Amino acid sequence: MKRIAILVSGNGTNMENILQHIRDGKIAAEAELVLSDNPQAYALRRAEKFNVECVVVDRKKFDSKESFEAEIRRHLDRKKIDYILLAGFMRILSADFVKAYQRRIINVHPSFLPHFPGAHSIRDAFEHKEKLSKTGTGVTVHFVTEAVDAGPPILQEKVPIHKEDTLETLEKRIHEKEYELYLKAINLVLQGKIR
C-alpha cells in the first residue's frame, strides 16, 4: 500500500476529508505523516483524531529555503513516503524539491487552470464574475512542477458562478468540488491510472 504525507498550512478541511476517506477504506493508502510549516495550523488539531504523526517544520526557524526543505525531506524520507499531497500548503516548493519527488506531488487548486493561478484564485474569479458568467470557474487537481500551478492536470471540473453569488457562496461550492475531485484524482494516481 502506498504511503502518503499531507502538507498543510492552515485550516485542514481537505486534509481531514482525505484522512476520513482513508479511514473509511475509500482511498487505499497509508497516511503516514501530516506536516505543517505553521505551528498554529488548525489542521494539526484536526489530524490528531486520526492518529497520524504530525510534524511542524516552521520556516521561521530556518535561515534558508534550502535548509527548510531539507528538514521536510528528512521527515518524508524517514517515513518512506510514496506520494505528497498538498492540502492548503502555502509555500512554493523549490525546483530541486519538486525534481526529487517528480510526479509524486499532487495539489488541488481552486480554479480551472490555467485561469487564476496563485493564492487568491477564488477571490480573483469572483471579481471577474460578470465576465465568467457563462464559463464559470472550477477546480483543478494537478501534479506539481517547478512553475506555480502549471503542472499537468489530473482532473478538472467547472464550477458555475451565479449572478447572485457572494464570495462566501462561491467559496463554499468550490470547496465542496475540491473535496470530491481531489479524492477521485488521488485514487486514479494510486491505482496507476494516471502517470
N, C-alpha and C. Protein backbone atom coordinates (compact mmCIF):
# COMPACT_ATOMS: atom_id res chain seq x y z
N MET A 1 0.84 -1.19 0.00
CA MET A 1 0.00 0.00 0.00
C MET A 1 0.88 1.25 0.00
N LYS A 2 0.49 2.24 -0.80
CA LYS A 2 1.27 3.47 -0.91
C LYS A 2 1.21 4.27 0.38
N ARG A 3 2.32 4.92 0.66
CA ARG A 3 2.46 5.71 1.88
C ARG A 3 2.40 7.19 1.50
N ILE A 4 1.51 7.94 2.15
CA ILE A 4 1.34 9.34 1.77
C ILE A 4 1.66 10.27 2.95
N ALA A 5 2.08 11.47 2.57
CA ALA A 5 2.23 12.58 3.51
C ALA A 5 1.34 13.70 3.00
N ILE A 6 0.74 14.43 3.93
CA ILE A 6 -0.11 15.57 3.57
C ILE A 6 0.55 16.81 4.16
N LEU A 7 0.81 17.80 3.29
CA LEU A 7 1.42 19.05 3.72
C LEU A 7 0.35 20.12 3.82
N VAL A 8 0.32 20.82 4.95
CA VAL A 8 -0.75 21.78 5.25
C VAL A 8 -0.14 23.06 5.85
N SER A 9 -0.92 24.14 5.75
CA SER A 9 -0.53 25.40 6.40
C SER A 9 -1.64 25.99 7.25
N GLY A 10 -2.89 25.59 6.98
CA GLY A 10 -4.00 26.30 7.61
C GLY A 10 -5.04 25.42 8.26
N ASN A 11 -6.27 25.59 7.80
CA ASN A 11 -7.44 25.00 8.45
C ASN A 11 -7.51 23.48 8.33
N GLY A 12 -7.16 22.95 7.17
CA GLY A 12 -7.06 21.50 7.03
C GLY A 12 -8.32 20.74 6.66
N THR A 13 -9.29 21.40 6.03
CA THR A 13 -10.52 20.67 5.68
C THR A 13 -10.27 19.64 4.58
N ASN A 14 -9.45 19.97 3.59
CA ASN A 14 -9.12 18.99 2.55
C ASN A 14 -8.35 17.81 3.15
N MET A 15 -7.41 18.11 4.03
CA MET A 15 -6.64 17.07 4.71
C MET A 15 -7.57 16.14 5.49
N GLU A 16 -8.49 16.73 6.26
CA GLU A 16 -9.41 15.94 7.06
C GLU A 16 -10.27 15.04 6.17
N ASN A 17 -10.71 15.57 5.05
CA ASN A 17 -11.51 14.79 4.10
C ASN A 17 -10.71 13.58 3.58
N ILE A 18 -9.45 13.81 3.25
CA ILE A 18 -8.59 12.73 2.76
C ILE A 18 -8.40 11.67 3.86
N LEU A 19 -8.08 12.11 5.06
CA LEU A 19 -7.85 11.17 6.16
C LEU A 19 -9.11 10.37 6.49
N GLN A 20 -10.26 11.01 6.42
CA GLN A 20 -11.52 10.29 6.68
C GLN A 20 -11.75 9.22 5.63
N HIS A 21 -11.46 9.54 4.37
CA HIS A 21 -11.66 8.56 3.30
C HIS A 21 -10.66 7.41 3.39
N ILE A 22 -9.46 7.68 3.87
CA ILE A 22 -8.51 6.59 4.11
C ILE A 22 -9.04 5.70 5.23
N ARG A 23 -9.49 6.31 6.30
CA ARG A 23 -10.04 5.54 7.42
C ARG A 23 -11.24 4.68 6.98
N ASP A 24 -12.07 5.24 6.10
CA ASP A 24 -13.26 4.53 5.62
C ASP A 24 -12.96 3.50 4.53
N GLY A 25 -11.71 3.41 4.11
CA GLY A 25 -11.33 2.45 3.07
C GLY A 25 -11.64 2.91 1.67
N LYS A 26 -11.94 4.18 1.48
CA LYS A 26 -12.27 4.70 0.14
C LYS A 26 -11.04 5.18 -0.60
N ILE A 27 -9.92 5.32 0.09
CA ILE A 27 -8.62 5.58 -0.53
C ILE A 27 -7.69 4.51 0.02
N ALA A 28 -7.11 3.72 -0.88
CA ALA A 28 -6.23 2.62 -0.47
C ALA A 28 -4.81 3.15 -0.31
N ALA A 29 -4.53 3.72 0.86
CA ALA A 29 -3.21 4.27 1.15
C ALA A 29 -3.03 4.30 2.66
N GLU A 30 -1.79 4.44 3.06
CA GLU A 30 -1.45 4.62 4.47
C GLU A 30 -1.09 6.08 4.68
N ALA A 31 -1.82 6.77 5.53
CA ALA A 31 -1.48 8.15 5.89
C ALA A 31 -0.38 8.09 6.94
N GLU A 32 0.83 8.42 6.53
CA GLU A 32 2.00 8.27 7.41
C GLU A 32 2.38 9.55 8.13
N LEU A 33 2.01 10.71 7.54
CA LEU A 33 2.54 11.96 8.08
C LEU A 33 1.67 13.13 7.66
N VAL A 34 1.41 14.03 8.62
CA VAL A 34 0.87 15.35 8.33
C VAL A 34 1.96 16.33 8.74
N LEU A 35 2.39 17.16 7.79
CA LEU A 35 3.48 18.09 8.04
C LEU A 35 3.01 19.50 7.77
N SER A 36 3.28 20.41 8.69
CA SER A 36 2.87 21.80 8.54
C SER A 36 4.05 22.73 8.71
N ASP A 37 4.04 23.82 7.96
CA ASP A 37 5.04 24.88 8.12
C ASP A 37 4.58 25.90 9.16
N ASN A 38 3.35 25.73 9.66
CA ASN A 38 2.73 26.70 10.56
C ASN A 38 2.38 26.02 11.88
N PRO A 39 3.07 26.36 12.98
CA PRO A 39 2.77 25.71 14.25
C PRO A 39 1.36 25.98 14.77
N GLN A 40 0.70 27.03 14.25
CA GLN A 40 -0.67 27.36 14.69
C GLN A 40 -1.75 26.77 13.77
N ALA A 41 -1.36 26.01 12.78
CA ALA A 41 -2.34 25.47 11.81
C ALA A 41 -3.39 24.62 12.52
N TYR A 42 -4.65 24.95 12.30
CA TYR A 42 -5.74 24.17 12.89
C TYR A 42 -5.75 22.74 12.34
N ALA A 43 -5.17 22.57 11.16
CA ALA A 43 -5.07 21.23 10.57
C ALA A 43 -4.41 20.24 11.51
N LEU A 44 -3.45 20.70 12.30
CA LEU A 44 -2.75 19.81 13.22
C LEU A 44 -3.71 19.25 14.27
N ARG A 45 -4.64 20.08 14.72
CA ARG A 45 -5.65 19.61 15.68
C ARG A 45 -6.62 18.64 15.02
N ARG A 46 -6.98 18.93 13.78
CA ARG A 46 -7.87 18.01 13.05
C ARG A 46 -7.21 16.65 12.87
N ALA A 47 -5.91 16.64 12.59
CA ALA A 47 -5.19 15.39 12.30
C ALA A 47 -5.06 14.50 13.52
N GLU A 48 -5.07 15.10 14.71
CA GLU A 48 -4.90 14.32 15.95
C GLU A 48 -5.90 13.19 16.08
N LYS A 49 -7.15 13.43 15.66
CA LYS A 49 -8.17 12.39 15.84
C LYS A 49 -7.99 11.20 14.90
N PHE A 50 -7.05 11.32 13.95
CA PHE A 50 -6.80 10.22 13.02
C PHE A 50 -5.53 9.44 13.39
N ASN A 51 -4.91 9.80 14.51
CA ASN A 51 -3.69 9.12 14.97
C ASN A 51 -2.60 9.06 13.90
N VAL A 52 -2.44 10.18 13.20
CA VAL A 52 -1.38 10.30 12.20
C VAL A 52 -0.27 11.14 12.82
N GLU A 53 0.96 10.76 12.59
CA GLU A 53 2.08 11.56 13.11
C GLU A 53 2.02 12.96 12.51
N CYS A 54 2.11 13.97 13.37
CA CYS A 54 2.12 15.37 12.93
C CYS A 54 3.48 15.98 13.25
N VAL A 55 4.01 16.70 12.29
CA VAL A 55 5.31 17.35 12.44
C VAL A 55 5.18 18.80 11.99
N VAL A 56 5.80 19.70 12.75
CA VAL A 56 5.88 21.10 12.34
C VAL A 56 7.31 21.40 11.92
N VAL A 57 7.44 21.93 10.70
CA VAL A 57 8.72 22.43 10.22
C VAL A 57 8.50 23.91 9.96
N ASP A 58 8.77 24.71 10.98
CA ASP A 58 8.46 26.15 10.96
C ASP A 58 9.52 26.89 10.14
N ARG A 59 9.07 27.47 9.02
CA ARG A 59 10.01 28.16 8.11
C ARG A 59 10.80 29.25 8.83
N LYS A 60 10.20 29.88 9.82
CA LYS A 60 10.86 30.98 10.55
C LYS A 60 12.10 30.51 11.32
N LYS A 61 12.20 29.22 11.56
CA LYS A 61 13.32 28.69 12.33
C LYS A 61 14.51 28.25 11.46
N PHE A 62 14.40 28.50 10.16
CA PHE A 62 15.45 28.09 9.24
C PHE A 62 16.02 29.31 8.53
N ASP A 63 17.32 29.33 8.35
CA ASP A 63 17.95 30.51 7.76
C ASP A 63 17.90 30.53 6.24
N SER A 64 17.44 29.44 5.63
CA SER A 64 17.34 29.42 4.17
C SER A 64 16.22 28.47 3.75
N LYS A 65 15.76 28.67 2.53
CA LYS A 65 14.75 27.77 1.96
C LYS A 65 15.33 26.37 1.82
N GLU A 66 16.61 26.30 1.48
CA GLU A 66 17.26 25.00 1.29
C GLU A 66 17.26 24.19 2.59
N SER A 67 17.60 24.83 3.70
CA SER A 67 17.64 24.09 4.97
C SER A 67 16.22 23.73 5.43
N PHE A 68 15.27 24.61 5.17
CA PHE A 68 13.85 24.34 5.48
C PHE A 68 13.37 23.11 4.72
N GLU A 69 13.62 23.10 3.42
CA GLU A 69 13.18 21.96 2.61
C GLU A 69 13.96 20.69 2.92
N ALA A 70 15.22 20.83 3.29
CA ALA A 70 16.00 19.64 3.68
C ALA A 70 15.38 18.98 4.91
N GLU A 71 14.87 19.77 5.82
CA GLU A 71 14.21 19.21 7.00
C GLU A 71 12.91 18.52 6.63
N ILE A 72 12.15 19.11 5.71
CA ILE A 72 10.93 18.44 5.23
C ILE A 72 11.29 17.11 4.58
N ARG A 73 12.30 17.13 3.73
CA ARG A 73 12.72 15.90 3.04
C ARG A 73 13.18 14.83 4.02
N ARG A 74 13.83 15.25 5.08
CA ARG A 74 14.28 14.28 6.10
C ARG A 74 13.09 13.52 6.67
N HIS A 75 12.02 14.25 6.96
CA HIS A 75 10.82 13.59 7.51
C HIS A 75 10.14 12.71 6.45
N LEU A 76 10.07 13.18 5.22
CA LEU A 76 9.46 12.38 4.15
C LEU A 76 10.25 11.09 3.92
N ASP A 77 11.57 11.22 3.90
CA ASP A 77 12.41 10.04 3.68
C ASP A 77 12.34 9.08 4.86
N ARG A 78 12.30 9.63 6.05
CA ARG A 78 12.20 8.80 7.27
C ARG A 78 10.94 7.93 7.23
N LYS A 79 9.86 8.47 6.68
CA LYS A 79 8.60 7.73 6.61
C LYS A 79 8.43 6.97 5.28
N LYS A 80 9.46 7.04 4.41
CA LYS A 80 9.42 6.33 3.12
C LYS A 80 8.14 6.68 2.32
N ILE A 81 7.93 7.96 2.16
CA ILE A 81 6.71 8.46 1.52
C ILE A 81 6.73 8.22 0.01
N ASP A 82 5.63 7.68 -0.49
CA ASP A 82 5.47 7.48 -1.94
C ASP A 82 4.88 8.71 -2.63
N TYR A 83 3.86 9.32 -1.99
CA TYR A 83 3.19 10.49 -2.59
C TYR A 83 3.01 11.58 -1.55
N ILE A 84 3.16 12.82 -2.01
CA ILE A 84 2.95 14.01 -1.18
C ILE A 84 1.69 14.70 -1.68
N LEU A 85 0.75 14.92 -0.78
CA LEU A 85 -0.48 15.62 -1.13
C LEU A 85 -0.45 17.00 -0.49
N LEU A 86 -0.55 18.04 -1.30
CA LEU A 86 -0.61 19.40 -0.78
C LEU A 86 -2.08 19.72 -0.53
N ALA A 87 -2.37 20.16 0.68
CA ALA A 87 -3.75 20.48 1.06
C ALA A 87 -3.73 21.83 1.77
N GLY A 88 -3.63 22.88 0.97
CA GLY A 88 -3.54 24.22 1.55
C GLY A 88 -2.16 24.51 2.10
N PHE A 89 -1.12 23.94 1.48
CA PHE A 89 0.26 24.22 1.87
C PHE A 89 0.67 25.49 1.15
N MET A 90 0.93 26.56 1.88
CA MET A 90 1.08 27.88 1.30
C MET A 90 2.54 28.29 1.06
N ARG A 91 3.36 27.31 0.72
CA ARG A 91 4.76 27.58 0.37
C ARG A 91 5.00 27.11 -1.05
N ILE A 92 5.79 27.88 -1.79
CA ILE A 92 6.18 27.45 -3.13
C ILE A 92 7.43 26.58 -2.97
N LEU A 93 7.34 25.37 -3.47
CA LEU A 93 8.45 24.42 -3.35
C LEU A 93 9.50 24.70 -4.42
N SER A 94 10.75 24.53 -4.06
CA SER A 94 11.85 24.81 -5.00
C SER A 94 11.87 23.78 -6.11
N ALA A 95 12.57 24.14 -7.20
CA ALA A 95 12.73 23.22 -8.33
C ALA A 95 13.44 21.95 -7.88
N ASP A 96 14.44 22.07 -7.02
CA ASP A 96 15.17 20.89 -6.54
C ASP A 96 14.26 19.95 -5.76
N PHE A 97 13.42 20.52 -4.90
CA PHE A 97 12.49 19.70 -4.12
C PHE A 97 11.52 18.97 -5.06
N VAL A 98 10.95 19.71 -6.00
CA VAL A 98 9.98 19.12 -6.93
C VAL A 98 10.63 18.02 -7.76
N LYS A 99 11.85 18.24 -8.23
CA LYS A 99 12.55 17.21 -9.03
C LYS A 99 12.80 15.95 -8.22
N ALA A 100 13.08 16.12 -6.92
CA ALA A 100 13.33 14.95 -6.07
C ALA A 100 12.10 14.06 -5.92
N TYR A 101 10.91 14.65 -6.11
CA TYR A 101 9.65 13.89 -5.97
C TYR A 101 8.81 14.02 -7.25
N GLN A 102 9.48 14.01 -8.38
CA GLN A 102 8.82 14.21 -9.67
C GLN A 102 7.62 13.28 -9.85
N ARG A 103 6.49 13.89 -10.23
CA ARG A 103 5.23 13.17 -10.45
C ARG A 103 4.74 12.44 -9.20
N ARG A 104 5.21 12.88 -8.04
CA ARG A 104 4.75 12.28 -6.78
C ARG A 104 4.20 13.34 -5.83
N ILE A 105 4.09 14.59 -6.31
CA ILE A 105 3.48 15.66 -5.52
C ILE A 105 2.20 16.09 -6.23
N ILE A 106 1.09 16.07 -5.49
CA ILE A 106 -0.22 16.40 -6.07
C ILE A 106 -0.80 17.58 -5.31
N ASN A 107 -1.41 18.49 -6.06
CA ASN A 107 -2.01 19.68 -5.46
C ASN A 107 -3.44 19.84 -5.96
N VAL A 108 -4.28 20.39 -5.12
CA VAL A 108 -5.63 20.79 -5.54
C VAL A 108 -5.65 22.31 -5.57
N HIS A 109 -6.19 22.86 -6.66
CA HIS A 109 -6.21 24.32 -6.82
C HIS A 109 -7.63 24.78 -7.12
N PRO A 110 -8.10 25.84 -6.43
CA PRO A 110 -9.50 26.27 -6.58
C PRO A 110 -9.75 27.20 -7.76
N SER A 111 -9.34 26.76 -8.95
CA SER A 111 -9.73 27.43 -10.19
C SER A 111 -9.56 26.45 -11.33
N PHE A 112 -10.10 26.81 -12.48
CA PHE A 112 -9.95 25.98 -13.68
C PHE A 112 -8.68 26.46 -14.38
N LEU A 113 -7.56 25.88 -13.96
CA LEU A 113 -6.27 26.30 -14.51
C LEU A 113 -6.23 26.09 -16.03
N PRO A 114 -5.56 26.95 -16.78
CA PRO A 114 -4.56 27.92 -16.34
C PRO A 114 -5.13 29.26 -15.84
N HIS A 115 -6.43 29.39 -15.74
CA HIS A 115 -7.01 30.64 -15.27
C HIS A 115 -6.86 30.77 -13.75
N PHE A 116 -6.50 31.94 -13.30
CA PHE A 116 -6.41 32.30 -11.88
C PHE A 116 -5.49 31.38 -11.06
N PRO A 117 -4.21 31.31 -11.44
CA PRO A 117 -3.26 30.61 -10.57
C PRO A 117 -2.98 31.47 -9.34
N GLY A 118 -2.27 30.90 -8.39
CA GLY A 118 -1.84 31.67 -7.22
C GLY A 118 -2.75 31.54 -6.03
N ALA A 119 -2.46 32.33 -5.01
CA ALA A 119 -3.07 32.17 -3.68
C ALA A 119 -4.48 32.73 -3.55
N HIS A 120 -4.91 33.60 -4.46
CA HIS A 120 -6.21 34.27 -4.29
C HIS A 120 -7.16 33.98 -5.45
N SER A 121 -7.14 32.76 -5.93
CA SER A 121 -7.86 32.43 -7.15
C SER A 121 -9.38 32.53 -7.03
N ILE A 122 -9.94 32.18 -5.88
CA ILE A 122 -11.40 32.28 -5.74
C ILE A 122 -11.81 33.75 -5.75
N ARG A 123 -11.11 34.56 -5.00
CA ARG A 123 -11.41 35.99 -4.99
C ARG A 123 -11.22 36.60 -6.39
N ASP A 124 -10.15 36.20 -7.07
CA ASP A 124 -9.89 36.73 -8.41
C ASP A 124 -11.01 36.35 -9.38
N ALA A 125 -11.46 35.10 -9.31
CA ALA A 125 -12.57 34.67 -10.17
C ALA A 125 -13.85 35.43 -9.82
N PHE A 126 -14.10 35.60 -8.52
CA PHE A 126 -15.30 36.31 -8.09
C PHE A 126 -15.30 37.75 -8.62
N GLU A 127 -14.15 38.39 -8.60
CA GLU A 127 -14.05 39.77 -9.09
C GLU A 127 -14.28 39.86 -10.59
N HIS A 128 -14.15 38.74 -11.30
CA HIS A 128 -14.41 38.70 -12.75
C HIS A 128 -15.72 37.97 -13.06
N LYS A 129 -16.63 37.91 -12.09
CA LYS A 129 -17.81 37.05 -12.26
C LYS A 129 -18.69 37.46 -13.43
N GLU A 130 -18.76 38.74 -13.74
CA GLU A 130 -19.57 39.14 -14.91
C GLU A 130 -19.00 38.54 -16.18
N LYS A 131 -17.70 38.60 -16.31
CA LYS A 131 -17.02 38.05 -17.49
C LYS A 131 -17.12 36.53 -17.53
N LEU A 132 -17.16 35.89 -16.34
CA LEU A 132 -17.16 34.43 -16.25
C LEU A 132 -18.56 33.83 -16.10
N SER A 133 -19.59 34.66 -16.28
CA SER A 133 -20.95 34.17 -16.02
C SER A 133 -21.33 32.99 -16.91
N LYS A 134 -20.76 32.89 -18.11
CA LYS A 134 -21.08 31.76 -18.99
C LYS A 134 -20.13 30.59 -18.79
N THR A 135 -18.87 30.87 -18.50
CA THR A 135 -17.88 29.79 -18.39
C THR A 135 -17.69 29.30 -16.96
N GLY A 136 -17.88 30.17 -15.99
CA GLY A 136 -17.65 29.80 -14.60
C GLY A 136 -16.18 29.70 -14.27
N THR A 137 -15.91 29.16 -13.12
CA THR A 137 -14.53 28.90 -12.69
C THR A 137 -14.43 27.40 -12.48
N GLY A 138 -13.67 26.92 -11.53
CA GLY A 138 -13.59 25.47 -11.36
C GLY A 138 -12.56 25.05 -10.34
N VAL A 139 -12.20 23.78 -10.43
CA VAL A 139 -11.21 23.16 -9.55
C VAL A 139 -10.30 22.30 -10.42
N THR A 140 -9.02 22.34 -10.11
CA THR A 140 -8.02 21.54 -10.83
C THR A 140 -7.19 20.76 -9.82
N VAL A 141 -7.01 19.48 -10.08
CA VAL A 141 -6.04 18.67 -9.33
C VAL A 141 -4.92 18.38 -10.32
N HIS A 142 -3.69 18.69 -9.91
CA HIS A 142 -2.57 18.57 -10.85
C HIS A 142 -1.31 18.09 -10.16
N PHE A 143 -0.40 17.55 -10.97
CA PHE A 143 0.93 17.25 -10.49
C PHE A 143 1.68 18.56 -10.33
N VAL A 144 2.51 18.64 -9.32
CA VAL A 144 3.28 19.86 -9.06
C VAL A 144 4.55 19.82 -9.89
N THR A 145 4.82 20.95 -10.55
CA THR A 145 6.07 21.14 -11.28
C THR A 145 6.76 22.39 -10.72
N GLU A 146 7.88 22.74 -11.33
CA GLU A 146 8.64 23.90 -10.85
C GLU A 146 7.85 25.20 -10.97
N ALA A 147 7.00 25.31 -11.98
CA ALA A 147 6.20 26.53 -12.18
C ALA A 147 4.93 26.45 -11.33
N VAL A 148 4.55 27.56 -10.72
CA VAL A 148 3.41 27.60 -9.80
C VAL A 148 2.10 27.31 -10.55
N ASP A 149 1.35 26.31 -10.06
CA ASP A 149 0.03 25.95 -10.59
C ASP A 149 0.05 25.71 -12.10
N ALA A 150 1.14 25.13 -12.58
CA ALA A 150 1.28 24.91 -14.02
C ALA A 150 1.51 23.45 -14.39
N GLY A 151 1.47 22.55 -13.41
CA GLY A 151 1.73 21.15 -13.68
C GLY A 151 0.61 20.48 -14.44
N PRO A 152 0.88 19.30 -15.00
CA PRO A 152 -0.12 18.58 -15.78
C PRO A 152 -1.37 18.27 -14.95
N PRO A 153 -2.56 18.62 -15.48
CA PRO A 153 -3.78 18.34 -14.74
C PRO A 153 -4.07 16.84 -14.67
N ILE A 154 -4.57 16.41 -13.54
CA ILE A 154 -5.06 15.04 -13.37
C ILE A 154 -6.56 15.04 -13.62
N LEU A 155 -7.27 15.94 -12.98
CA LEU A 155 -8.71 16.14 -13.20
C LEU A 155 -9.04 17.62 -13.08
N GLN A 156 -10.04 18.05 -13.84
CA GLN A 156 -10.56 19.42 -13.74
C GLN A 156 -12.07 19.37 -13.88
N GLU A 157 -12.74 20.23 -13.13
CA GLU A 157 -14.19 20.38 -13.29
C GLU A 157 -14.58 21.83 -13.12
N LYS A 158 -15.59 22.22 -13.87
CA LYS A 158 -16.11 23.59 -13.80
C LYS A 158 -17.02 23.76 -12.59
N VAL A 159 -17.04 24.96 -12.07
CA VAL A 159 -17.97 25.37 -11.02
C VAL A 159 -18.63 26.65 -11.52
N PRO A 160 -19.96 26.68 -11.64
CA PRO A 160 -20.61 27.88 -12.16
C PRO A 160 -20.50 29.06 -11.19
N ILE A 161 -20.52 30.25 -11.76
CA ILE A 161 -20.62 31.46 -10.95
C ILE A 161 -22.00 32.05 -11.24
N HIS A 162 -22.82 32.15 -10.20
CA HIS A 162 -24.17 32.68 -10.35
C HIS A 162 -24.18 34.18 -10.09
N LYS A 163 -25.12 34.84 -10.74
CA LYS A 163 -25.22 36.29 -10.60
C LYS A 163 -25.40 36.71 -9.14
N GLU A 164 -26.14 35.90 -8.40
CA GLU A 164 -26.43 36.24 -7.01
C GLU A 164 -25.33 35.78 -6.03
N ASP A 165 -24.27 35.16 -6.54
CA ASP A 165 -23.21 34.66 -5.67
C ASP A 165 -22.55 35.77 -4.88
N THR A 166 -22.23 35.45 -3.63
CA THR A 166 -21.29 36.26 -2.85
C THR A 166 -19.96 35.50 -2.89
N LEU A 167 -18.92 36.14 -2.42
CA LEU A 167 -17.63 35.45 -2.36
C LEU A 167 -17.76 34.19 -1.50
N GLU A 168 -18.53 34.28 -0.42
CA GLU A 168 -18.68 33.14 0.50
C GLU A 168 -19.43 31.99 -0.15
N THR A 169 -20.50 32.27 -0.90
CA THR A 169 -21.25 31.16 -1.53
C THR A 169 -20.42 30.50 -2.62
N LEU A 170 -19.65 31.30 -3.35
CA LEU A 170 -18.77 30.73 -4.38
C LEU A 170 -17.68 29.88 -3.72
N GLU A 171 -17.07 30.38 -2.66
CA GLU A 171 -16.05 29.60 -1.94
C GLU A 171 -16.61 28.26 -1.47
N LYS A 172 -17.81 28.28 -0.94
CA LYS A 172 -18.42 27.05 -0.42
C LYS A 172 -18.58 26.01 -1.54
N ARG A 173 -19.08 26.44 -2.70
CA ARG A 173 -19.27 25.50 -3.81
C ARG A 173 -17.93 24.99 -4.35
N ILE A 174 -16.94 25.87 -4.41
CA ILE A 174 -15.63 25.44 -4.90
C ILE A 174 -15.01 24.45 -3.93
N HIS A 175 -15.10 24.72 -2.63
CA HIS A 175 -14.53 23.79 -1.65
C HIS A 175 -15.23 22.43 -1.70
N GLU A 176 -16.54 22.42 -1.87
CA GLU A 176 -17.25 21.14 -1.99
C GLU A 176 -16.75 20.36 -3.20
N LYS A 177 -16.51 21.06 -4.31
CA LYS A 177 -16.00 20.40 -5.52
C LYS A 177 -14.56 19.92 -5.29
N GLU A 178 -13.76 20.69 -4.54
CA GLU A 178 -12.39 20.27 -4.22
C GLU A 178 -12.40 18.93 -3.48
N TYR A 179 -13.25 18.83 -2.45
CA TYR A 179 -13.28 17.60 -1.65
C TYR A 179 -13.58 16.39 -2.53
N GLU A 180 -14.51 16.54 -3.43
CA GLU A 180 -14.93 15.45 -4.31
C GLU A 180 -13.85 15.12 -5.34
N LEU A 181 -13.33 16.15 -6.02
CA LEU A 181 -12.41 15.93 -7.13
C LEU A 181 -11.04 15.45 -6.66
N TYR A 182 -10.57 15.98 -5.53
CA TYR A 182 -9.26 15.57 -5.02
C TYR A 182 -9.24 14.08 -4.72
N LEU A 183 -10.31 13.58 -4.11
CA LEU A 183 -10.38 12.16 -3.79
C LEU A 183 -10.35 11.29 -5.04
N LYS A 184 -11.10 11.70 -6.06
CA LYS A 184 -11.09 10.95 -7.32
C LYS A 184 -9.69 10.93 -7.92
N ALA A 185 -9.05 12.08 -7.94
CA ALA A 185 -7.72 12.18 -8.55
C ALA A 185 -6.69 11.35 -7.77
N ILE A 186 -6.74 11.41 -6.46
CA ILE A 186 -5.81 10.63 -5.63
C ILE A 186 -5.97 9.14 -5.95
N ASN A 187 -7.20 8.68 -6.03
CA ASN A 187 -7.43 7.26 -6.33
C ASN A 187 -6.93 6.90 -7.71
N LEU A 188 -7.13 7.75 -8.69
CA LEU A 188 -6.62 7.47 -10.05
C LEU A 188 -5.10 7.32 -10.04
N VAL A 189 -4.43 8.21 -9.33
CA VAL A 189 -2.96 8.14 -9.27
C VAL A 189 -2.52 6.89 -8.50
N LEU A 190 -3.12 6.64 -7.34
CA LEU A 190 -2.72 5.49 -6.53
C LEU A 190 -2.97 4.17 -7.24
N GLN A 191 -4.01 4.13 -8.07
CA GLN A 191 -4.34 2.91 -8.80
C GLN A 191 -3.54 2.77 -10.11
N GLY A 192 -2.63 3.72 -10.36
CA GLY A 192 -1.80 3.66 -11.56
C GLY A 192 -2.52 4.01 -12.83
N LYS A 193 -3.68 4.65 -12.73
CA LYS A 193 -4.45 5.00 -13.94
C LYS A 193 -4.02 6.33 -14.54
N ILE A 194 -3.24 7.10 -13.79
CA ILE A 194 -2.69 8.37 -14.28
C ILE A 194 -1.20 8.31 -14.06
N ARG A 195 -0.44 8.61 -15.08
CA ARG A 195 1.03 8.56 -14.95
C ARG A 195 1.62 9.90 -15.33
